[in-house]
Structure formats: C-alpha cells, structure tokens
Amino acid sequence: MDNLTEQTPASEKQEEKPFFSVIIHSFFIIPFLIAVFCVLLFAAVNLLTKEQQTAYDYLNNVKIGGITKRWQSAFELSKILANPKMIPADSRFYGEMISAFEQSRHDDSRVRQYLALAMGRTKQPQFFEPLVKDLDSEKEDNLYAIIYALGMLQDKRAVDYLVKYLDHPQARLRSGAVVALGSIGDPNSIKFLKKALNDPEPNVQWGSAISLAQMKDASGKEVIAKLLNRNYYKQFPEVDVHEQMYLMLAAIDAARFLKDPQLNSQIKELSSSETNMKVRAVALEYLNIKNK
C-alpha cells in the first residue's frame, strides 16, 4: 500500500508533461504558424498582383493627388526617369509634364523641384524652354533644382543662363551652376569656371576644378590634388566622411581626363593606403584602366 502511494505522484507527473505539451502546441505554436503562413501568403499575392506604376501613373498623381501624394509622386517620377527605358516615347507625355510643371509654380516647392529634376533626367530638349522661362522670378528654394536640371539636360543654350548665377550671393546656387556647366561641357564656359576657382566658397572651387577637368582643362589641377589628399579635409569639420568619399571619387573621375603624373601618383597611393574601401577600389580600377 505504501509502495502504491509513493508511485502515484510519479505517474501523474508523467501524464502532466504530454498534457501541457498538447496545450502549448494547440494554443500557441499552431496559431503562430498559421499567422506566419497567412502573412507570407498575403505578401506573395500582393507582390504578384501589384502592377508597377508607370511614369503616367506618377504624373497623374502629381496632378490630382493630395499635398503629400503630389510631391512624393514627383519624387518617384524623377527616380524612374533616370532609367531611359522608363521614359515614354510619345509627345503627349512631354506636353503633360510641361503642363504639370507650369501648374506647380504655386504648389509645394518639392513638387516643382522634383518635376524639374525629372525633366532634366530625360535629356529631352523640349524641356529647356519651360525650365528657363521663369528663372528670373523663380523662388530661391526651387532655383538649385532647376539649375541642376539644366545641367542634366546638357543643352548648350543653358550656358548663358547659368553663368549669371556664378555671382549669386547664395553659395549653393554658385556651386550648382559650376556643376551644371561641367555637365554641359561647352568650351565657352571655361573662362567663367576659371574665374570661379577663386570663389571664397570651397564647394564652388571644388566644383569648378572638377568641371574644368571634365573639359580637359587643367586649370584646377591643384584643387583636385587637394581633394585627393585625405588630410586636406581636416580643415573642413563640417564635411562628413560620406561627403569626403564622394569628393574623392569625383576627384579620381576628374583626373582621368587630365592624365597628369602628379594626380596619377596620388591615386596610386590611394589604391594601397586609403582607409575607405570604396575609394580604394575605384583608385585601383582607375590604375588598371590607365595601364591598359
């Protein structure tokens, strides 16, 4: 009798384990797995059924969407038009783009800015006139985007408009103008870019030197040499490591137009000692191409 009494609790404990396992499995694990499956199924169906929005879709949203929808759609439009395959070929699209841009004059500034960038990325000459039409009376907030767009458009007619901004009191606009002139690459702008090398704003000096190099003019070689020197950036604590990287990459790219022994030597040094691996890789790639 005593033996039976002593054995009973052990037997009950053995039965309790599978009982609680069943409870946990039924009420926690199975519902969790079902929920995960439903989420995955929903995501898969949504991915399969969702249609990729076209340039026309985004443009339509710019016209009839709410405040947030309009500028976000203009932003997305400027992104997809960076891909030539996404640019509609029919003239109707260009007409609607111009109409939307003209109507954006009194809209949220972001709408007009992103539409300007979208127009510039198409590289279509029919967008030149709409972009320069109201430059003199344009909001200062929008000017940088329009100047940048004119550079991407690469229409030499823009040079006369852009050089006017090399004396603008806002350094950001002067910087945008020298970059835009470099993108266009008209030799008539070289004399203006040489003058901009003496601008009090370092960003303008840097942009001018790189733009001149793109036109195979070595007037800004010393500035490019500084940009290839990591220690140079210690003078500019406001320039963070990411900005330093982009400046160094731009300087390496500019150097390929000049084929200067001094710059080549600096790039060779970067290819083996630079701490930023992306800069190092691009420097090495530059040397490999140069030596072919």
C-alpha atoms as a PDB file:
ATOM      1  CA  MET A   1       0.000   0.000   0.000  1.00  0.00           C
ATOM      2  CA  ASP A   2       2.793   2.343   0.889  1.00  0.00           C
ATOM      3  CA  ASN A   3       4.527   1.477  -2.360  1.00  0.00           C
ATOM      4  CA  LEU A   4       1.412   2.324  -4.379  1.00  0.00           C
ATOM      5  CA  THR A   5       1.040   5.676  -2.608  1.00  0.00           C
ATOM      6  CA  GLU A   6       4.650   6.561  -3.333  1.00  0.00           C
ATOM      7  CA  GLN A   7       4.348   5.648  -7.034  1.00  0.00           C
ATOM      8  CA  THR A   8       1.174   7.675  -7.802  1.00  0.00           C
ATOM      9  CA  PRO A   9       2.712  11.200  -7.949  1.00  0.00           C
ATOM     10  CA  ALA A  10       5.412   9.994 -10.340  1.00  0.00           C
ATOM     11  CA  SER A  11       2.754   8.527 -12.632  1.00  0.00           C
ATOM     12  CA  GLU A  12       0.741  11.757 -12.589  1.00  0.00           C
ATOM     13  CA  LYS A  13       3.836  13.803 -13.444  1.00  0.00           C
ATOM     14  CA  GLN A  14       4.452  11.628 -16.485  1.00  0.00           C
ATOM     15  CA  GLU A  15       0.889  12.295 -17.654  1.00  0.00           C
ATOM     16  CA  GLU A  16       1.139  16.048 -16.998  1.00  0.00           C
ATOM     17  CA  LYS A  17       4.032  16.552 -19.480  1.00  0.00           C
ATOM     18  CA  PRO A  18       2.212  15.409 -22.605  1.00  0.00           C
ATOM     19  CA  PHE A  19      -0.912  17.252 -21.452  1.00  0.00           C
ATOM     20  CA  PHE A  20       0.911  20.615 -21.216  1.00  0.00           C
ATOM     21  CA  SER A  21       2.763  19.893 -24.480  1.00  0.00           C
ATOM     22  CA  VAL A  22      -0.593  19.471 -26.212  1.00  0.00           C
ATOM     23  CA  ILE A  23      -1.892  22.731 -24.679  1.00  0.00           C
ATOM     24  CA  ILE A  24       1.172  24.721 -25.796  1.00  0.00           C
ATOM     25  CA  HIS A  25       1.164  23.129 -29.238  1.00  0.00           C
ATOM     26  CA  SER A  26      -2.571  23.710 -29.777  1.00  0.00           C
ATOM     27  CA  PHE A  27      -2.939  27.216 -28.402  1.00  0.00           C
ATOM     28  CA  PHE A  28       0.409  28.829 -29.180  1.00  0.00           C
ATOM     29  CA  ILE A  29       2.542  27.103 -31.813  1.00  0.00           C
ATOM     30  CA  ILE A  30      -0.184  26.169 -34.325  1.00  0.00           C
ATOM     31  CA  PRO A  31      -1.867  29.642 -34.306  1.00  0.00           C
ATOM     32  CA  PHE A  32       1.577  31.263 -34.613  1.00  0.00           C
ATOM     33  CA  LEU A  33       2.439  29.121 -37.639  1.00  0.00           C
ATOM     34  CA  ILE A  34      -0.943  29.847 -39.203  1.00  0.00           C
ATOM     35  CA  ALA A  35      -0.413  33.582 -38.699  1.00  0.00           C
ATOM     36  CA  VAL A  36       3.063  33.432 -40.266  1.00  0.00           C
ATOM     37  CA  PHE A  37       1.700  31.457 -43.212  1.00  0.00           C
ATOM     38  CA  CYS A  38      -1.107  34.000 -43.751  1.00  0.00           C
ATOM     39  CA  VAL A  39       1.358  36.916 -43.699  1.00  0.00           C
ATOM     40  CA  LEU A  40       3.624  35.185 -46.211  1.00  0.00           C
ATOM     41  CA  LEU A  41       0.672  34.272 -48.406  1.00  0.00           C
ATOM     42  CA  PHE A  42      -0.631  37.848 -48.348  1.00  0.00           C
ATOM     43  CA  ALA A  43       2.834  39.229 -49.201  1.00  0.00           C
ATOM     44  CA  ALA A  44       3.227  36.774 -52.087  1.00  0.00           C
ATOM     45  CA  VAL A  45      -0.217  37.548 -53.531  1.00  0.00           C
ATOM     46  CA  ASN A  46       0.367  41.284 -53.151  1.00  0.00           C
ATOM     47  CA  LEU A  47       3.739  41.012 -54.903  1.00  0.00           C
ATOM     48  CA  LEU A  48       2.276  39.011 -57.776  1.00  0.00           C
ATOM     49  CA  THR A  49      -0.791  41.181 -58.299  1.00  0.00           C
ATOM     50  CA  LYS A  50       0.730  44.623 -57.749  1.00  0.00           C
ATOM     51  CA  GLU A  51       1.392  46.386 -61.028  1.00  0.00           C
ATOM     52  CA  GLN A  52       4.454  48.519 -61.449  1.00  0.00           C
ATOM     53  CA  GLN A  53       3.472  52.171 -61.681  1.00  0.00           C
ATOM     54  CA  THR A  54       4.426  53.941 -64.865  1.00  0.00           C
ATOM     55  CA  ALA A  55       5.564  57.498 -65.492  1.00  0.00           C
ATOM     56  CA  TYR A  56       1.969  58.331 -66.470  1.00  0.00           C
ATOM     57  CA  ASP A  57       0.679  56.973 -63.144  1.00  0.00           C
ATOM     58  CA  TYR A  58       3.034  59.158 -61.140  1.00  0.00           C
ATOM     59  CA  LEU A  59       2.315  62.175 -63.319  1.00  0.00           C
ATOM     60  CA  ASN A  60      -1.410  61.693 -62.815  1.00  0.00           C
ATOM     61  CA  ASN A  61      -0.866  61.545 -59.041  1.00  0.00           C
ATOM     62  CA  VAL A  62       1.061  64.819 -59.234  1.00  0.00           C
ATOM     63  CA  LYS A  63      -1.964  66.423 -60.878  1.00  0.00           C
ATOM     64  CA  ILE A  64      -4.821  65.081 -58.762  1.00  0.00           C
ATOM     65  CA  GLY A  65      -3.258  63.726 -55.560  1.00  0.00           C
ATOM     66  CA  GLY A  66      -3.264  65.290 -52.122  1.00  0.00           C
ATOM     67  CA  ILE A  67      -0.444  67.533 -50.907  1.00  0.00           C
ATOM     68  CA  THR A  68       1.808  64.692 -49.726  1.00  0.00           C
ATOM     69  CA  LYS A  69       0.873  62.445 -52.639  1.00  0.00           C
ATOM     70  CA  ARG A  70       1.838  65.114 -55.177  1.00  0.00           C
ATOM     71  CA  TRP A  71       5.401  65.714 -54.058  1.00  0.00           C
ATOM     72  CA  GLN A  72       6.033  62.030 -53.337  1.00  0.00           C
ATOM     73  CA  SER A  73       4.822  61.121 -56.830  1.00  0.00           C
ATOM     74  CA  ALA A  74       7.012  63.841 -58.348  1.00  0.00           C
ATOM     75  CA  PHE A  75       9.937  62.367 -56.420  1.00  0.00           C
ATOM     76  CA  GLU A  76       9.217  58.839 -57.677  1.00  0.00           C
ATOM     77  CA  LEU A  77       8.823  60.191 -61.212  1.00  0.00           C
ATOM     78  CA  SER A  78      12.254  61.838 -61.018  1.00  0.00           C
ATOM     79  CA  LYS A  79      13.699  58.487 -59.912  1.00  0.00           C
ATOM     80  CA  ILE A  80      12.228  56.262 -62.615  1.00  0.00           C
ATOM     81  CA  LEU A  81      13.043  58.706 -65.428  1.00  0.00           C
ATOM     82  CA  ALA A  82      16.725  58.209 -64.604  1.00  0.00           C
ATOM     83  CA  ASN A  83      16.205  54.931 -66.472  1.00  0.00           C
ATOM     84  CA  PRO A  84      15.904  55.675 -70.225  1.00  0.00           C
ATOM     85  CA  LYS A  85      13.708  52.595 -70.653  1.00  0.00           C
ATOM     86  CA  MET A  86      11.072  54.141 -68.388  1.00  0.00           C
ATOM     87  CA  ILE A  87      10.756  57.366 -70.388  1.00  0.00           C
ATOM     88  CA  PRO A  88       7.573  57.344 -72.536  1.00  0.00           C
ATOM     89  CA  ALA A  89       8.295  57.877 -76.218  1.00  0.00           C
ATOM     90  CA  ASP A  90       5.089  59.714 -77.160  1.00  0.00           C
ATOM     91  CA  SER A  91       4.857  63.503 -77.317  1.00  0.00           C
ATOM     92  CA  ARG A  92       1.739  63.521 -75.136  1.00  0.00           C
ATOM     93  CA  PHE A  93       3.871  62.715 -72.091  1.00  0.00           C
ATOM     94  CA  TYR A  94       6.155  65.703 -72.656  1.00  0.00           C
ATOM     95  CA  GLY A  95       3.163  68.008 -73.033  1.00  0.00           C
ATOM     96  CA  GLU A  96       1.660  66.750 -69.782  1.00  0.00           C
ATOM     97  CA  MET A  97       4.987  67.103 -67.973  1.00  0.00           C
ATOM     98  CA  ILE A  98       5.320  70.717 -69.098  1.00  0.00           C
ATOM     99  CA  SER A  99       1.725  71.419 -68.072  1.00  0.00           C
ATOM    100  CA  ALA A 100       2.280  69.885 -64.620  1.00  0.00           C
ATOM    101  CA  PHE A 101       5.496  71.879 -64.170  1.00  0.00           C
ATOM    102  CA  GLU A 102       3.793  75.159 -65.079  1.00  0.00           C
ATOM    103  CA  GLN A 103       0.906  74.428 -62.712  1.00  0.00           C
ATOM    104  CA  SER A 104       3.344  73.622 -59.873  1.00  0.00           C
ATOM    105  CA  ARG A 105       4.528  77.229 -59.642  1.00  0.00           C
ATOM    106  CA  HIS A 106       2.300  77.915 -56.626  1.00  0.00           C
ATOM    107  CA  ASP A 107       2.318  74.352 -55.278  1.00  0.00           C
ATOM    108  CA  ASP A 108       4.515  72.785 -52.594  1.00  0.00           C
ATOM    109  CA  SER A 109       8.084  73.658 -53.638  1.00  0.00           C
ATOM    110  CA  ARG A 110       9.054  69.986 -53.576  1.00  0.00           C
ATOM    111  CA  VAL A 111       6.632  69.219 -56.391  1.00  0.00           C
ATOM    112  CA  ARG A 112       8.278  71.769 -58.676  1.00  0.00           C
ATOM    113  CA  GLN A 113      11.797  70.756 -57.665  1.00  0.00           C
ATOM    114  CA  TYR A 114      11.272  67.056 -58.350  1.00  0.00           C
ATOM    115  CA  LEU A 115       9.447  67.745 -61.598  1.00  0.00           C
ATOM    116  CA  ALA A 116      12.395  69.876 -62.725  1.00  0.00           C
ATOM    117  CA  LEU A 117      14.790  67.016 -61.919  1.00  0.00           C
ATOM    118  CA  ALA A 118      12.516  64.578 -63.737  1.00  0.00           C
ATOM    119  CA  MET A 119      12.578  66.795 -66.824  1.00  0.00           C
ATOM    120  CA  GLY A 120      16.343  67.126 -66.681  1.00  0.00           C
ATOM    121  CA  ARG A 121      16.884  63.382 -66.448  1.00  0.00           C
ATOM    122  CA  THR A 122      15.057  62.769 -69.700  1.00  0.00           C
ATOM    123  CA  LYS A 123      17.683  64.876 -71.574  1.00  0.00           C
ATOM    124  CA  GLN A 124      14.877  65.963 -73.905  1.00  0.00           C
ATOM    125  CA  PRO A 125      15.458  69.430 -75.485  1.00  0.00           C
ATOM    126  CA  GLN A 126      11.748  70.333 -75.380  1.00  0.00           C
ATOM    127  CA  PHE A 127      12.088  70.823 -71.616  1.00  0.00           C
ATOM    128  CA  PHE A 128      14.673  73.589 -71.985  1.00  0.00           C
ATOM    129  CA  GLU A 129      12.204  76.447 -72.541  1.00  0.00           C
ATOM    130  CA  PRO A 130       9.875  75.542 -69.648  1.00  0.00           C
ATOM    131  CA  LEU A 131      12.855  75.307 -67.273  1.00  0.00           C
ATOM    132  CA  VAL A 132      14.344  78.704 -68.152  1.00  0.00           C
ATOM    133  CA  LYS A 133      11.065  80.515 -68.808  1.00  0.00           C
ATOM    134  CA  ASP A 134      10.603  81.954 -65.314  1.00  0.00           C
ATOM    135  CA  LEU A 135      14.131  81.732 -63.921  1.00  0.00           C
ATOM    136  CA  ASP A 136      14.327  85.443 -63.094  1.00  0.00           C
ATOM    137  CA  SER A 137      11.192  85.305 -60.955  1.00  0.00           C
ATOM    138  CA  GLU A 138      11.629  81.765 -59.595  1.00  0.00           C
ATOM    139  CA  LYS A 139      11.527  81.063 -55.849  1.00  0.00           C
ATOM    140  CA  GLU A 140      15.032  80.762 -54.491  1.00  0.00           C
ATOM    141  CA  ASP A 141      14.091  77.393 -52.929  1.00  0.00           C
ATOM    142  CA  ASN A 142      13.495  75.993 -56.422  1.00  0.00           C
ATOM    143  CA  LEU A 143      16.453  77.517 -58.235  1.00  0.00           C
ATOM    144  CA  TYR A 144      19.033  74.915 -57.241  1.00  0.00           C
ATOM    145  CA  ALA A 145      16.911  72.040 -58.594  1.00  0.00           C
ATOM    146  CA  ILE A 146      16.232  73.894 -61.857  1.00  0.00           C
ATOM    147  CA  ILE A 147      19.921  74.776 -62.296  1.00  0.00           C
ATOM    148  CA  TYR A 148      20.852  71.146 -61.663  1.00  0.00           C
ATOM    149  CA  ALA A 149      18.163  70.009 -64.117  1.00  0.00           C
ATOM    150  CA  LEU A 150      19.557  72.294 -66.818  1.00  0.00           C
ATOM    151  CA  GLY A 151      22.950  70.677 -66.306  1.00  0.00           C
ATOM    152  CA  MET A 152      21.473  67.196 -66.734  1.00  0.00           C
ATOM    153  CA  LEU A 153      19.647  68.360 -69.849  1.00  0.00           C
ATOM    154  CA  GLN A 154      23.081  69.150 -71.366  1.00  0.00           C
ATOM    155  CA  ASP A 155      21.660  71.803 -73.675  1.00  0.00           C
ATOM    156  CA  LYS A 156      24.304  74.392 -74.579  1.00  0.00           C
ATOM    157  CA  ARG A 157      21.636  77.085 -74.723  1.00  0.00           C
ATOM    158  CA  ALA A 158      21.589  76.954 -70.910  1.00  0.00           C
ATOM    159  CA  VAL A 159      25.149  78.308 -70.553  1.00  0.00           C
ATOM    160  CA  ASP A 160      24.110  81.958 -70.897  1.00  0.00           C
ATOM    161  CA  TYR A 161      21.512  81.468 -68.172  1.00  0.00           C
ATOM    162  CA  LEU A 162      23.801  79.556 -65.813  1.00  0.00           C
ATOM    163  CA  VAL A 163      26.813  81.881 -65.855  1.00  0.00           C
ATOM    164  CA  LYS A 164      24.606  84.599 -64.346  1.00  0.00           C
ATOM    165  CA  TYR A 165      24.445  82.549 -61.155  1.00  0.00           C
ATOM    166  CA  LEU A 166      28.221  82.454 -60.696  1.00  0.00           C
ATOM    167  CA  ASP A 167      27.914  85.839 -58.964  1.00  0.00           C
ATOM    168  CA  HIS A 168      24.819  84.980 -56.945  1.00  0.00           C
ATOM    169  CA  PRO A 169      25.027  85.803 -53.208  1.00  0.00           C
ATOM    170  CA  GLN A 170      23.955  82.242 -52.343  1.00  0.00           C
ATOM    171  CA  ALA A 171      26.981  79.914 -52.448  1.00  0.00           C
ATOM    172  CA  ARG A 172      24.734  76.897 -53.016  1.00  0.00           C
ATOM    173  CA  LEU A 173      23.476  78.349 -56.288  1.00  0.00           C
ATOM    174  CA  ARG A 174      27.001  79.253 -57.406  1.00  0.00           C
ATOM    175  CA  SER A 175      28.061  75.689 -56.638  1.00  0.00           C
ATOM    176  CA  GLY A 176      25.099  74.266 -58.566  1.00  0.00           C
ATOM    177  CA  ALA A 177      25.901  76.484 -61.543  1.00  0.00           C
ATOM    178  CA  VAL A 178      29.538  75.345 -61.858  1.00  0.00           C
ATOM    179  CA  VAL A 179      28.489  71.686 -61.648  1.00  0.00           C
ATOM    180  CA  ALA A 180      25.778  72.235 -64.274  1.00  0.00           C
ATOM    181  CA  LEU A 181      28.260  73.956 -66.601  1.00  0.00           C
ATOM    182  CA  GLY A 182      30.594  70.988 -66.236  1.00  0.00           C
ATOM    183  CA  SER A 183      27.797  68.590 -67.157  1.00  0.00           C
ATOM    184  CA  ILE A 184      27.019  70.590 -70.300  1.00  0.00           C
ATOM    185  CA  GLY A 185      30.696  70.785 -71.257  1.00  0.00           C
ATOM    186  CA  ASP A 186      30.530  73.827 -73.523  1.00  0.00           C
ATOM    187  CA  PRO A 187      34.074  75.264 -74.041  1.00  0.00           C
ATOM    188  CA  ASN A 188      32.570  78.763 -73.904  1.00  0.00           C
ATOM    189  CA  SER A 189      32.049  78.313 -70.163  1.00  0.00           C
ATOM    190  CA  ILE A 190      35.734  77.592 -69.400  1.00  0.00           C
ATOM    191  CA  LYS A 191      36.628  81.244 -68.793  1.00  0.00           C
ATOM    192  CA  PHE A 192      33.803  81.548 -66.266  1.00  0.00           C
ATOM    193  CA  LEU A 193      34.812  78.358 -64.473  1.00  0.00           C
ATOM    194  CA  LYS A 194      38.421  79.549 -64.236  1.00  0.00           C
ATOM    195  CA  LYS A 195      37.193  82.678 -62.503  1.00  0.00           C
ATOM    196  CA  ALA A 196      35.097  80.563 -60.129  1.00  0.00           C
ATOM    197  CA  LEU A 197      38.283  78.792 -58.952  1.00  0.00           C
ATOM    198  CA  ASN A 198      38.872  81.911 -56.834  1.00  0.00           C
ATOM    199  CA  ASP A 199      35.404  81.876 -55.277  1.00  0.00           C
ATOM    200  CA  PRO A 200      35.507  82.302 -51.471  1.00  0.00           C
ATOM    201  CA  GLU A 201      33.325  79.202 -51.054  1.00  0.00           C
ATOM    202  CA  PRO A 202      35.335  75.916 -51.173  1.00  0.00           C
ATOM    203  CA  ASN A 203      32.401  73.996 -52.690  1.00  0.00           C
ATOM    204  CA  VAL A 204      32.422  76.355 -55.673  1.00  0.00           C
ATOM    205  CA  GLN A 205      36.190  75.948 -56.083  1.00  0.00           C
ATOM    206  CA  TRP A 206      35.863  72.158 -55.966  1.00  0.00           C
ATOM    207  CA  GLY A 207      33.008  72.074 -58.456  1.00  0.00           C
ATOM    208  CA  SER A 208      34.812  74.429 -60.824  1.00  0.00           C
ATOM    209  CA  ALA A 209      38.019  72.367 -60.784  1.00  0.00           C
ATOM    210  CA  ILE A 210      36.139  69.138 -61.481  1.00  0.00           C
ATOM    211  CA  SER A 211      34.049  70.755 -64.231  1.00  0.00           C
ATOM    212  CA  LEU A 212      37.172  72.153 -65.897  1.00  0.00           C
ATOM    213  CA  ALA A 213      38.842  68.744 -65.754  1.00  0.00           C
ATOM    214  CA  GLN A 214      35.795  67.194 -67.438  1.00  0.00           C
ATOM    215  CA  MET A 215      36.501  69.576 -70.305  1.00  0.00           C
ATOM    216  CA  LYS A 216      40.197  68.541 -70.235  1.00  0.00           C
ATOM    217  CA  ASP A 217      41.296  71.868 -68.829  1.00  0.00           C
ATOM    218  CA  ALA A 218      43.928  71.534 -66.088  1.00  0.00           C
ATOM    219  CA  SER A 219      43.446  74.994 -64.555  1.00  0.00           C
ATOM    220  CA  GLY A 220      42.010  73.422 -61.399  1.00  0.00           C
ATOM    221  CA  LYS A 221      44.597  70.658 -61.087  1.00  0.00           C
ATOM    222  CA  GLU A 222      45.904  71.895 -57.722  1.00  0.00           C
ATOM    223  CA  VAL A 223      42.389  71.881 -56.303  1.00  0.00           C
ATOM    224  CA  ILE A 224      41.878  68.283 -57.471  1.00  0.00           C
ATOM    225  CA  ALA A 225      45.215  67.332 -55.911  1.00  0.00           C
ATOM    226  CA  LYS A 226      43.920  68.665 -52.588  1.00  0.00           C
ATOM    227  CA  LEU A 227      40.710  66.674 -52.919  1.00  0.00           C
ATOM    228  CA  LEU A 228      42.782  63.516 -53.326  1.00  0.00           C
ATOM    229  CA  ASN A 229      44.556  64.205 -50.024  1.00  0.00           C
ATOM    230  CA  ARG A 230      42.678  62.844 -47.012  1.00  0.00           C
ATOM    231  CA  ASN A 231      44.436  65.301 -44.643  1.00  0.00           C
ATOM    232  CA  TYR A 232      43.066  68.256 -46.597  1.00  0.00           C
ATOM    233  CA  TYR A 233      39.570  67.616 -45.245  1.00  0.00           C
ATOM    234  CA  LYS A 234      40.692  68.281 -41.665  1.00  0.00           C
ATOM    235  CA  GLN A 235      40.222  71.963 -42.496  1.00  0.00           C
ATOM    236  CA  PHE A 236      36.518  71.336 -43.030  1.00  0.00           C
ATOM    237  CA  PRO A 237      34.970  69.629 -39.984  1.00  0.00           C
ATOM    238  CA  GLU A 238      31.512  70.246 -41.479  1.00  0.00           C
ATOM    239  CA  VAL A 239      32.354  67.865 -44.356  1.00  0.00           C
ATOM    240  CA  ASP A 240      31.497  64.406 -43.009  1.00  0.00           C
ATOM    241  CA  VAL A 241      33.115  61.126 -44.041  1.00  0.00           C
ATOM    242  CA  HIS A 242      30.461  60.367 -46.658  1.00  0.00           C
ATOM    243  CA  GLU A 243      30.881  63.755 -48.309  1.00  0.00           C
ATOM    244  CA  GLN A 244      34.653  63.266 -48.233  1.00  0.00           C
ATOM    245  CA  MET A 245      34.211  59.944 -50.004  1.00  0.00           C
ATOM    246  CA  TYR A 246      32.084  61.456 -52.774  1.00  0.00           C
ATOM    247  CA  LEU A 247      34.540  64.317 -53.257  1.00  0.00           C
ATOM    248  CA  MET A 248      37.453  61.915 -53.530  1.00  0.00           C
ATOM    249  CA  LEU A 249      35.573  59.739 -56.008  1.00  0.00           C
ATOM    250  CA  ALA A 250      34.713  62.826 -58.078  1.00  0.00           C
ATOM    251  CA  ALA A 251      38.367  63.902 -57.999  1.00  0.00           C
ATOM    252  CA  ILE A 252      39.521  60.455 -59.193  1.00  0.00           C
ATOM    253  CA  ASP A 253      36.982  60.593 -62.005  1.00  0.00           C
ATOM    254  CA  ALA A 254      38.156  64.108 -62.961  1.00  0.00           C
ATOM    255  CA  ALA A 255      41.793  63.012 -63.009  1.00  0.00           C
ATOM    256  CA  ARG A 256      41.154  60.545 -65.828  1.00  0.00           C
ATOM    257  CA  PHE A 257      40.504  63.486 -68.169  1.00  0.00           C
ATOM    258  CA  LEU A 258      43.800  65.186 -67.317  1.00  0.00           C
ATOM    259  CA  LYS A 259      46.222  62.221 -67.311  1.00  0.00           C
ATOM    260  CA  ASP A 260      48.540  64.178 -65.020  1.00  0.00           C
ATOM    261  CA  PRO A 261      51.570  62.355 -63.488  1.00  0.00           C
ATOM    262  CA  GLN A 262      51.151  64.070 -60.103  1.00  0.00           C
ATOM    263  CA  LEU A 263      47.478  63.121 -59.838  1.00  0.00           C
ATOM    264  CA  ASN A 264      48.209  59.593 -61.053  1.00  0.00           C
ATOM    265  CA  SER A 265      50.822  59.232 -58.319  1.00  0.00           C
ATOM    266  CA  GLN A 266      48.338  60.344 -55.670  1.00  0.00           C
ATOM    267  CA  ILE A 267      45.726  57.904 -56.943  1.00  0.00           C
ATOM    268  CA  LYS A 268      48.278  55.103 -56.888  1.00  0.00           C
ATOM    269  CA  GLU A 269      48.933  55.892 -53.234  1.00  0.00           C
ATOM    270  CA  LEU A 270      45.196  55.824 -52.514  1.00  0.00           C
ATOM    271  CA  SER A 271      44.876  52.397 -54.141  1.00  0.00           C
ATOM    272  CA  SER A 272      47.086  50.865 -51.445  1.00  0.00           C
ATOM    273  CA  SER A 273      46.713  53.035 -48.341  1.00  0.00           C
ATOM    274  CA  GLU A 274      43.244  54.650 -48.389  1.00  0.00           C
ATOM    275  CA  THR A 275      41.088  53.607 -45.417  1.00  0.00           C
ATOM    276  CA  ASN A 276      37.790  53.892 -47.300  1.00  0.00           C
ATOM    277  CA  MET A 277      37.452  50.679 -49.269  1.00  0.00           C
ATOM    278  CA  LYS A 278      35.226  52.173 -51.966  1.00  0.00           C
ATOM    279  CA  VAL A 279      37.705  54.962 -52.706  1.00  0.00           C
ATOM    280  CA  ARG A 280      40.495  52.414 -52.666  1.00  0.00           C
ATOM    281  CA  ALA A 281      38.678  50.141 -55.116  1.00  0.00           C
ATOM    282  CA  VAL A 282      37.897  52.996 -57.522  1.00  0.00           C
ATOM    283  CA  ALA A 283      41.522  54.171 -57.362  1.00  0.00           C
ATOM    284  CA  LEU A 284      42.690  50.649 -58.190  1.00  0.00           C
ATOM    285  CA  GLU A 285      40.181  50.406 -61.046  1.00  0.00           C
ATOM    286  CA  TYR A 286      41.431  53.755 -62.378  1.00  0.00           C
ATOM    287  CA  LEU A 287      45.005  52.487 -62.410  1.00  0.00           C
ATOM    288  CA  ASN A 288      44.031  49.246 -64.138  1.00  0.00           C
ATOM    289  CA  ILE A 289      42.217  51.166 -66.898  1.00  0.00           C
ATOM    290  CA  LYS A 290      45.093  53.656 -67.243  1.00  0.00           C
ATOM    291  CA  ASN A 291      47.656  50.879 -67.634  1.00  0.00           C
ATOM    292  CA  LYS A 292      45.758  49.058 -70.369  1.00  0.00           C
END
